[in-house]
Every structure is written in structure tokens, then in C-alpha cells.
Amino acid sequence: MTTIDVPHSSRSAVLTVSGVIEETPDSRSLVFDVPADMKSKFDYKPGQFLTLRIPSEQTGSVARCYSLASSPFTDDAPKVTVKRTVDGYGSNWLCDNVSVGDRIEVLPPSGVFTPKSLDHDFLLFGAGSGITPVMSILKSALTEGKGKVVLVYANNDENSVIFAAELRDLAAKHADRLTIIHWILSVQGLPTAAQFATLAAPFTSHEAFMCGPGPFMDTVHDALAQAGMPRAQVHAEVFNSLAGDPFQDVVLEEVSEEEAADAATVQVELDGETHELSWPRKQTLVDVMLSKGLDVPYSCQEGECGSCACTVLEGKVEMEHSGVLDQEDIDNGYILGCQARPVSDTLKIEF
């Protein structure tokens, strides 16, 4: 494969692939060597993802998000796991072309599919390669947390179970805390919401995290609602293919004096610090924060990855595209910073 040495943006880095693990016949993991001077840039939380820049003869490159299957507490290096999808250019390219020693351009870890505390009891749902971020949370909770973990993992057949051996080892090592329920479609058929609701009923006080294909996630959402789990305890990871190029540095539009005079005022809480900013009406919150040199979390800037999700505490915004948020999220105050523009004159927002 063709490798690069110079990143295309100030945010990205070129990392060397230090390991390639064939997980199943149609999935493999890529382990990255992170140089010492980049360690802090690539610190990550359980459940986050990396965005990889993949060469393309048609467009020059495509950007794809892949969850970290590694845990920052148990693994020496970050690892993403890729499963082939039908007509999936990125996944097939990575499975066919990458070898140890190759270099790939990568954006720093991102995403909000991560527990606020690892001491909760967890109810985890994964389907197929959706196990990837769930595995990161599972290993982290068992190592650093104090609660119990229940994993419901759906696959087409036994040969499709990613991390099968590792899961067996973890179940044996943490027999008093980890329960794994495999759902094999070739044996049990497609799960129904009623069946999953029965499984979930004893665990409605747990924090639920789910990742997998859309229909699977819909079933789990319905099941948890039927079981009576509060919506605030339910967390879902959703990935969409990125059409734009997150590996290009953001170029901010000029703001006229008239636009500056009409700007809203926003108090933003980020990493425990509060910043008061002037927010011109035509600029997104991510743009404004970048212009002030703040390390705002973002990746795709298309409203498709959820990296910039935050909460409106006071005020009102409008969003051109709200992709990964469902109506209940929006009703609860969640917004996407890369899409949000101010409607109110004053706002308070928390990351």
C-alpha cells in the first residue's frame, strides 16, 4: 500500500501499524504504535473511536470511523477492529491492504459513547462488529470498576463471534461479575423486543450501552423501554459514512462588524472550565470555539459522528442537520456543536 509521512491537517497524525490480528474470516484488528511525543494526543476513553484516512483512486481518500476495541487500562496500544461490509469500500480496503509496518493517517480519539463512571453496573448489547466499543467498556469496567457487567452479544453464527476466546477468558476470570449471553441468529433467529425485554428485566438499574446495525439497535431500544429502563440510562453508538473530509483544517469565515454586533453570548463549560464567548449567528459553535483556540471535541463536522454532542442548559439553537440524535435526545437538550447556530441572545452549553 502507499504510505504517507506528512499529515494533511494540524489535528491528525501518521501512525505505524504494529500489529494485524485476524479475528474472524471477515474481520481483523489493527494495532497502532503511538510515538512517545503523541501519547497525550491519543489518550482515549473506553468506547471512543478513531477516524482513519483511507486512500481512494476515485476521490483521493475517504474517512471512516472505527471504534477502539482496546481498553486504555488493559492494553498497551490502541486497537481498532474492522469487519467487512458488503460494498463497504473502507472496511474491505483495510482488510485487504494493511500489513504490519504500514502507516495510516489518523485523527485523535473522539466520541461520547463512554461511561461517566466505570463503577456502575452495566448492561451491554453488541451485534457483529458492534462489539468493538462495547468490548472496550467491558474490559475497562471489569478492571477499573466495581460493578457487575452483563453482555448480550448477537451474531449470525458461531464463526462470526469476534473476540470469542478473549470473552471466554474474561468470563472465567471474572465469573462473579461478568455474565455473557450469546444470541446466535442461525440457531435462535432474529431477536424480538419482547425477548430482549425479558433478558433486560432484571437489570433495569444498570447503565445500558448498545452498538450494532440499525434494526438491532431499534429492537434493543424498544426492549429497554418495555422493560422499564429510564431513557437517561440508555446510550447508543451510531456510525454513518462520512462524506466530507475531516482531515482538512477548518477555514473560518470572516465575520462582518454588523454580524459581530448582532452576535449572541454563550457560556461554554468544557473540561471543567467555563468560557464566555461571542457567537456570531452564521457560525457554528465548533467554529467559534476553534477560533478562540479551545480544544473542542469534533470529527466529521457533518452531524454524523456525534463527537461534538453537548447539552444546552439555557437558550435555544437551530441545527441544519442533527444526524445521529433522535428526537428524544433533542428534547433532552442534546445538540451537535458542529451544526448548532444561536437563536437566543444568551446561552449556556455544557460539553
Protein backbone atom coordinates (compact mmCIF):
# COMPACT_ATOMS: atom_id res chain seq x y z
CA MET A 1 0.00 0.00 0.00
CA THR A 2 1.05 3.61 -0.44
CA THR A 3 2.01 5.22 2.84
CA ILE A 4 2.35 8.86 3.84
CA ASP A 5 4.63 10.61 6.30
CA VAL A 6 3.13 14.11 6.46
CA PRO A 7 -0.40 14.51 7.86
CA HIS A 8 -2.96 16.55 5.93
CA SER A 9 -4.09 18.61 8.92
CA SER A 10 -2.75 20.03 12.14
CA ARG A 11 -5.02 17.68 14.13
CA SER A 12 -4.12 14.36 12.52
CA ALA A 13 -1.07 12.14 12.85
CA VAL A 14 0.53 9.38 10.80
CA LEU A 15 0.77 6.19 12.86
CA THR A 16 2.54 2.91 12.15
CA VAL A 17 0.56 -0.33 12.23
CA SER A 18 2.37 -2.51 14.79
CA GLY A 19 0.01 -5.47 14.68
CA VAL A 20 -2.63 -7.07 12.47
CA ILE A 21 -4.87 -9.67 14.16
CA GLU A 22 -7.18 -11.87 12.09
CA GLU A 23 -10.19 -12.07 14.40
CA THR A 24 -12.69 -13.98 12.19
CA PRO A 25 -12.80 -14.83 8.47
CA ASP A 26 -14.24 -11.37 7.75
CA SER A 27 -12.78 -9.16 10.49
CA ARG A 28 -9.36 -8.05 11.64
CA SER A 29 -7.87 -5.74 14.23
CA LEU A 30 -5.23 -3.11 13.59
CA VAL A 31 -2.90 -2.12 16.43
CA PHE A 32 -1.19 1.28 16.23
CA ASP A 33 2.20 2.31 17.56
CA VAL A 34 1.86 5.77 19.10
CA PRO A 35 5.19 7.64 19.46
CA ALA A 36 6.03 8.93 22.94
CA ASP A 37 5.56 12.57 21.91
CA MET A 38 1.99 11.81 20.77
CA LYS A 39 0.85 9.73 23.76
CA SER A 40 -1.20 12.53 25.32
CA LYS A 41 -2.82 13.36 21.96
CA PHE A 42 -4.00 9.76 21.62
CA ASP A 43 -5.19 9.23 25.17
CA TYR A 44 -8.71 7.83 24.93
CA LYS A 45 -11.74 6.86 26.97
CA PRO A 46 -13.44 3.46 26.80
CA GLY A 47 -15.92 3.40 23.90
CA GLN A 48 -14.30 6.12 21.78
CA PHE A 49 -13.25 5.75 18.14
CA LEU A 50 -10.50 6.69 15.68
CA THR A 51 -11.08 8.23 12.26
CA LEU A 52 -8.83 6.73 9.57
CA ARG A 53 -7.90 8.30 6.24
CA ILE A 54 -8.16 5.59 3.58
CA PRO A 55 -6.73 6.08 0.06
CA SER A 56 -9.21 6.08 -2.82
CA GLU A 57 -8.46 6.17 -6.55
CA GLN A 58 -11.78 7.93 -7.19
CA THR A 59 -11.76 10.66 -4.53
CA GLY A 60 -8.17 10.69 -3.26
CA SER A 61 -9.29 9.48 0.15
CA VAL A 62 -12.29 8.59 2.28
CA ALA A 63 -12.65 8.99 6.04
CA ARG A 64 -14.07 6.17 8.16
CA CYS A 65 -14.66 5.89 11.91
CA TYR A 66 -13.69 2.66 13.69
CA SER A 67 -14.23 2.02 17.39
CA LEU A 68 -11.35 1.23 19.69
CA ALA A 69 -11.68 -2.36 20.93
CA SER A 70 -8.76 -1.87 23.28
CA SER A 71 -9.04 -0.52 26.81
CA PRO A 72 -6.82 2.35 27.98
CA PHE A 73 -6.43 0.41 31.26
CA THR A 74 -5.54 -3.07 29.97
CA ASP A 75 -3.90 -2.61 26.55
CA ASP A 76 -0.50 -1.13 25.75
CA ALA A 77 -1.55 0.27 22.36
CA PRO A 78 -4.79 1.44 20.73
CA LYS A 79 -6.53 -1.17 18.58
CA VAL A 80 -9.44 -0.81 16.17
CA THR A 81 -11.39 -3.74 14.77
CA VAL A 82 -12.74 -3.70 11.21
CA LYS A 83 -15.37 -6.05 9.79
CA ARG A 84 -16.00 -6.33 6.08
CA THR A 85 -19.35 -4.97 4.95
CA VAL A 86 -20.97 -5.63 1.59
CA ASP A 87 -19.86 -2.87 -0.81
CA GLY A 88 -18.06 -1.18 2.08
CA TYR A 89 -15.04 0.43 0.45
CA GLY A 90 -13.25 1.40 3.65
CA SER A 91 -13.65 -1.89 5.51
CA ASN A 92 -12.68 -4.02 2.52
CA TRP A 93 -9.65 -1.86 1.74
CA LEU A 94 -8.38 -2.11 5.31
CA CYS A 95 -8.94 -5.87 5.40
CA ASP A 96 -7.21 -6.42 2.03
CA ASN A 97 -4.30 -4.00 2.06
CA VAL A 98 -2.88 -3.25 5.51
CA SER A 99 0.18 -5.03 6.88
CA VAL A 100 2.47 -4.55 9.86
CA GLY A 101 4.75 -1.57 9.21
CA ASP A 102 2.27 0.33 7.05
CA ARG A 103 1.49 3.91 8.03
CA ILE A 104 -2.03 5.34 8.21
CA GLU A 105 -3.22 8.87 8.88
CA VAL A 106 -5.44 9.01 11.95
CA LEU A 107 -7.41 11.66 13.83
CA PRO A 108 -7.18 11.65 17.66
CA PRO A 109 -9.74 9.62 19.63
CA SER A 110 -13.22 11.05 19.69
CA GLY A 111 -16.80 10.18 20.58
CA VAL A 112 -19.17 10.38 23.53
CA PHE A 113 -20.15 6.68 23.76
CA THR A 114 -18.31 6.37 27.03
CA PRO A 115 -19.41 5.90 30.67
CA LYS A 116 -19.14 8.84 33.03
CA SER A 117 -18.16 6.35 35.74
CA LEU A 118 -16.87 2.78 35.48
CA ASP A 119 -18.31 1.88 38.89
CA HIS A 120 -21.85 1.40 37.53
CA ASP A 121 -23.45 -1.96 36.83
CA PHE A 122 -23.59 -2.29 33.03
CA LEU A 123 -25.96 -3.96 30.58
CA LEU A 124 -24.14 -4.11 27.24
CA PHE A 125 -25.60 -5.03 23.84
CA GLY A 126 -23.46 -5.71 20.76
CA ALA A 127 -24.19 -7.18 17.35
CA GLY A 128 -21.47 -8.21 14.91
CA SER A 129 -18.68 -5.63 14.86
CA GLY A 130 -20.80 -3.52 17.23
CA ILE A 131 -18.98 -5.47 19.94
CA THR A 132 -15.93 -3.24 19.37
CA PRO A 133 -16.68 -0.19 21.58
CA VAL A 134 -18.70 -2.41 23.93
CA MET A 135 -15.59 -4.57 24.45
CA SER A 136 -13.57 -1.50 25.40
CA ILE A 137 -16.18 -0.54 28.00
CA LEU A 138 -16.49 -4.13 29.28
CA LYS A 139 -12.75 -4.60 29.84
CA SER A 140 -12.40 -1.17 31.41
CA ALA A 141 -15.33 -1.70 33.79
CA LEU A 142 -14.01 -5.09 34.92
CA THR A 143 -10.52 -3.70 35.52
CA GLU A 144 -11.24 -0.28 36.98
CA GLY A 145 -14.86 -0.51 38.15
CA LYS A 146 -16.65 -2.27 40.98
CA GLY A 147 -19.98 -3.26 39.44
CA LYS A 148 -21.37 -6.23 37.56
CA VAL A 149 -21.43 -6.47 33.76
CA VAL A 150 -23.98 -8.28 31.57
CA LEU A 151 -23.18 -8.64 27.86
CA VAL A 152 -25.76 -9.67 25.25
CA TYR A 153 -23.88 -10.37 22.00
CA ALA A 154 -25.68 -11.24 18.74
CA ASN A 155 -24.01 -12.85 15.71
CA ASN A 156 -25.07 -14.74 12.60
CA ASP A 157 -23.23 -17.91 13.63
CA GLU A 158 -20.52 -19.12 15.98
CA ASN A 159 -17.76 -18.44 13.44
CA SER A 160 -18.76 -14.76 13.38
CA VAL A 161 -18.12 -14.14 17.09
CA ILE A 162 -15.34 -11.56 17.29
CA PHE A 163 -13.14 -11.81 20.43
CA ALA A 164 -14.63 -15.25 21.24
CA ALA A 165 -11.51 -16.54 23.03
CA GLU A 166 -10.94 -13.27 24.90
CA LEU A 167 -14.56 -13.22 26.07
CA ARG A 168 -14.24 -16.81 27.34
CA ASP A 169 -11.12 -15.85 29.29
CA LEU A 170 -12.77 -12.77 30.78
CA ALA A 171 -15.87 -14.74 31.77
CA ALA A 172 -13.68 -17.29 33.58
CA LYS A 173 -11.52 -14.64 35.25
CA HIS A 174 -14.49 -12.52 36.40
CA ALA A 175 -17.08 -15.25 36.98
CA ASP A 176 -18.61 -13.33 39.90
CA ARG A 177 -19.06 -10.10 37.90
CA LEU A 178 -19.40 -10.90 34.19
CA THR A 179 -22.35 -12.65 32.54
CA ILE A 180 -22.25 -13.23 28.75
CA ILE A 181 -25.38 -14.13 26.79
CA HIS A 182 -24.68 -15.11 23.17
CA TRP A 183 -27.53 -14.80 20.69
CA ILE A 184 -26.79 -16.86 17.56
CA LEU A 185 -29.18 -15.94 14.73
CA SER A 186 -28.65 -19.18 12.82
CA VAL A 187 -29.95 -21.04 15.92
CA GLN A 188 -32.31 -18.60 17.63
CA GLY A 189 -33.44 -16.40 14.76
CA LEU A 190 -33.73 -12.61 14.87
CA PRO A 191 -34.29 -11.40 18.44
CA THR A 192 -37.55 -9.63 19.20
CA ALA A 193 -38.04 -6.69 21.53
CA ALA A 194 -40.11 -8.92 23.81
CA GLN A 195 -37.29 -11.47 24.09
CA PHE A 196 -34.67 -8.82 24.84
CA ALA A 197 -37.06 -7.12 27.29
CA THR A 198 -37.24 -10.40 29.22
CA LEU A 199 -33.43 -10.58 29.30
CA ALA A 200 -33.17 -6.93 30.39
CA ALA A 201 -35.92 -7.00 33.04
CA PRO A 202 -33.61 -7.94 35.99
CA PHE A 203 -31.12 -5.23 35.06
CA THR A 204 -33.15 -2.02 34.70
CA SER A 205 -30.98 -0.25 37.31
CA HIS A 206 -27.88 -0.81 35.12
CA GLU A 207 -26.39 1.63 32.60
CA ALA A 208 -27.09 0.30 29.10
CA PHE A 209 -24.73 0.71 26.15
CA MET A 210 -25.52 -0.66 22.69
CA CYS A 211 -23.83 -0.77 19.29
CA GLY A 212 -24.78 -2.64 16.11
CA PRO A 213 -26.83 -2.39 12.92
CA GLY A 214 -29.83 -0.06 12.88
CA PRO A 215 -32.57 -2.74 13.16
CA PHE A 216 -30.73 -4.35 16.10
CA MET A 217 -30.47 -1.01 17.89
CA ASP A 218 -34.17 -0.32 17.30
CA THR A 219 -35.02 -3.69 18.83
CA VAL A 220 -32.85 -3.00 21.88
CA HIS A 221 -34.33 0.49 22.34
CA ASP A 222 -37.84 -0.98 22.25
CA ALA A 223 -36.84 -3.80 24.60
CA LEU A 224 -35.36 -1.50 27.21
CA ALA A 225 -38.41 0.75 27.07
CA GLN A 226 -40.66 -2.31 27.55
CA ALA A 227 -38.51 -3.44 30.48
CA GLY A 228 -38.93 -0.04 32.10
CA MET A 229 -35.33 1.19 31.93
CA PRO A 230 -35.19 5.03 32.17
CA ARG A 231 -34.14 6.65 28.89
CA ALA A 232 -31.33 8.55 30.63
CA GLN A 233 -29.58 5.22 31.34
CA VAL A 234 -29.60 4.16 27.66
CA HIS A 235 -26.64 5.02 25.42
CA ALA A 236 -26.30 4.13 21.73
CA GLU A 237 -23.39 4.41 19.30
CA VAL A 238 -24.30 5.24 15.71
CA PHE A 239 -21.86 5.42 12.79
CA ASN A 240 -22.55 6.84 9.35
CA SER A 241 -20.17 7.08 6.41
CA LEU A 242 -18.55 10.50 6.27
CA ALA A 243 -18.97 12.38 3.01
CA GLY A 244 -16.69 15.31 3.81
CA ASP A 245 -13.00 15.40 4.67
CA PRO A 246 -12.31 15.78 8.40
CA PHE A 247 -8.59 15.68 7.61
CA GLN A 248 -8.67 19.22 6.25
CA ASP A 249 -8.11 22.08 8.66
CA VAL A 250 -11.19 24.22 9.26
CA VAL A 251 -11.17 27.57 7.44
CA LEU A 252 -13.31 30.06 9.34
CA GLU A 253 -15.45 32.60 7.52
CA GLU A 254 -14.84 36.29 8.11
CA VAL A 255 -17.38 37.98 10.37
CA SER A 256 -18.51 41.49 9.43
CA GLU A 257 -18.83 44.29 12.00
CA GLU A 258 -22.61 44.08 11.68
CA GLU A 259 -22.59 40.32 12.31
CA ALA A 260 -20.25 40.77 15.28
CA ALA A 261 -22.58 43.39 16.78
CA ASP A 262 -25.55 41.02 16.46
CA ALA A 263 -23.70 38.04 17.95
CA ALA A 264 -25.12 36.01 20.80
CA THR A 265 -23.24 35.46 24.06
CA VAL A 266 -22.57 31.90 25.18
CA GLN A 267 -21.07 30.40 28.31
CA VAL A 268 -19.46 27.08 27.43
CA GLU A 269 -18.33 24.57 30.01
CA LEU A 270 -15.53 22.39 28.62
CA ASP A 271 -13.33 20.07 30.69
CA GLY A 272 -14.48 21.73 33.91
CA GLU A 273 -13.68 25.27 32.75
CA THR A 274 -16.23 27.92 31.73
CA HIS A 275 -15.58 30.21 28.77
CA GLU A 276 -17.71 33.20 27.79
CA LEU A 277 -17.68 33.73 24.02
CA SER A 278 -19.25 35.96 21.40
CA TRP A 279 -21.17 33.72 18.99
CA PRO A 280 -21.94 35.19 15.53
CA ARG A 281 -25.26 33.91 14.17
CA LYS A 282 -23.85 32.36 10.99
CA GLN A 283 -21.07 30.41 12.70
CA THR A 284 -21.41 27.02 14.35
CA LEU A 285 -20.40 26.52 17.96
CA VAL A 286 -17.45 24.36 16.92
CA ASP A 287 -16.22 27.12 14.57
CA VAL A 288 -16.46 29.74 17.30
CA MET A 289 -14.62 27.60 19.83
CA LEU A 290 -11.88 26.72 17.35
CA SER A 291 -11.43 30.42 16.54
CA LYS A 292 -10.77 31.02 20.25
CA GLY A 293 -8.17 28.25 20.41
CA LEU A 294 -10.32 25.89 22.51
CA ASP A 295 -9.77 22.15 22.17
CA VAL A 296 -13.39 21.38 21.30
CA PRO A 297 -14.19 17.72 20.53
CA TYR A 298 -15.22 17.23 16.91
CA SER A 299 -14.51 14.97 13.98
CA CYS A 300 -16.71 14.98 10.90
CA GLN A 301 -18.41 18.43 11.10
CA GLU A 302 -21.34 16.88 9.20
CA GLY A 303 -23.54 15.95 12.14
CA GLU A 304 -22.88 12.25 11.51
CA CYS A 305 -20.44 11.11 14.20
CA GLY A 306 -21.68 12.65 17.43
CA SER A 307 -18.21 13.67 18.64
CA CYS A 308 -19.32 17.25 19.31
CA ALA A 309 -22.53 16.37 21.19
CA CYS A 310 -23.20 18.72 24.09
CA THR A 311 -26.12 19.95 26.19
CA VAL A 312 -27.98 23.27 26.07
CA LEU A 313 -28.58 24.35 29.67
CA GLU A 314 -30.08 27.74 28.76
CA GLY A 315 -31.14 29.29 25.47
CA LYS A 316 -32.05 27.93 22.05
CA VAL A 317 -30.14 26.90 18.92
CA GLU A 318 -31.03 25.75 15.44
CA MET A 319 -29.34 22.86 13.65
CA GLU A 320 -29.07 22.34 9.91
CA HIS A 321 -28.56 18.60 10.34
CA SER A 322 -28.95 16.53 13.50
CA GLY A 323 -28.00 13.12 12.01
CA VAL A 324 -27.12 10.93 14.99
CA LEU A 325 -29.53 12.50 17.50
CA ASP A 326 -33.04 11.15 17.86
CA GLN A 327 -35.96 13.36 18.88
CA GLU A 328 -35.76 12.24 22.49
CA ASP A 329 -32.10 13.33 22.63
CA ILE A 330 -33.03 16.73 21.21
CA ASP A 331 -35.95 17.06 23.65
CA ASN A 332 -33.48 16.40 26.47
CA GLY A 333 -31.29 19.30 25.33
CA TYR A 334 -28.61 17.48 23.36
CA ILE A 335 -27.21 19.31 20.33
CA LEU A 336 -24.35 18.87 17.86
CA GLY A 337 -21.82 21.67 18.20
CA CYS A 338 -20.79 21.40 14.54
CA GLN A 339 -24.36 22.11 13.42
CA ALA A 340 -25.63 24.49 16.12
CA ARG A 341 -26.17 28.19 15.47
CA PRO A 342 -27.64 30.55 18.09
CA VAL A 343 -31.27 31.64 18.15
CA SER A 344 -31.28 33.12 21.67
CA ASP A 345 -29.19 36.14 22.60
CA THR A 346 -27.65 34.35 25.58
CA LEU A 347 -26.92 30.65 26.02
CA LYS A 348 -25.26 28.19 28.38
CA ILE A 349 -23.83 24.97 26.95
CA GLU A 350 -22.01 22.08 28.58
CA PHE A 351 -19.67 19.55 26.96
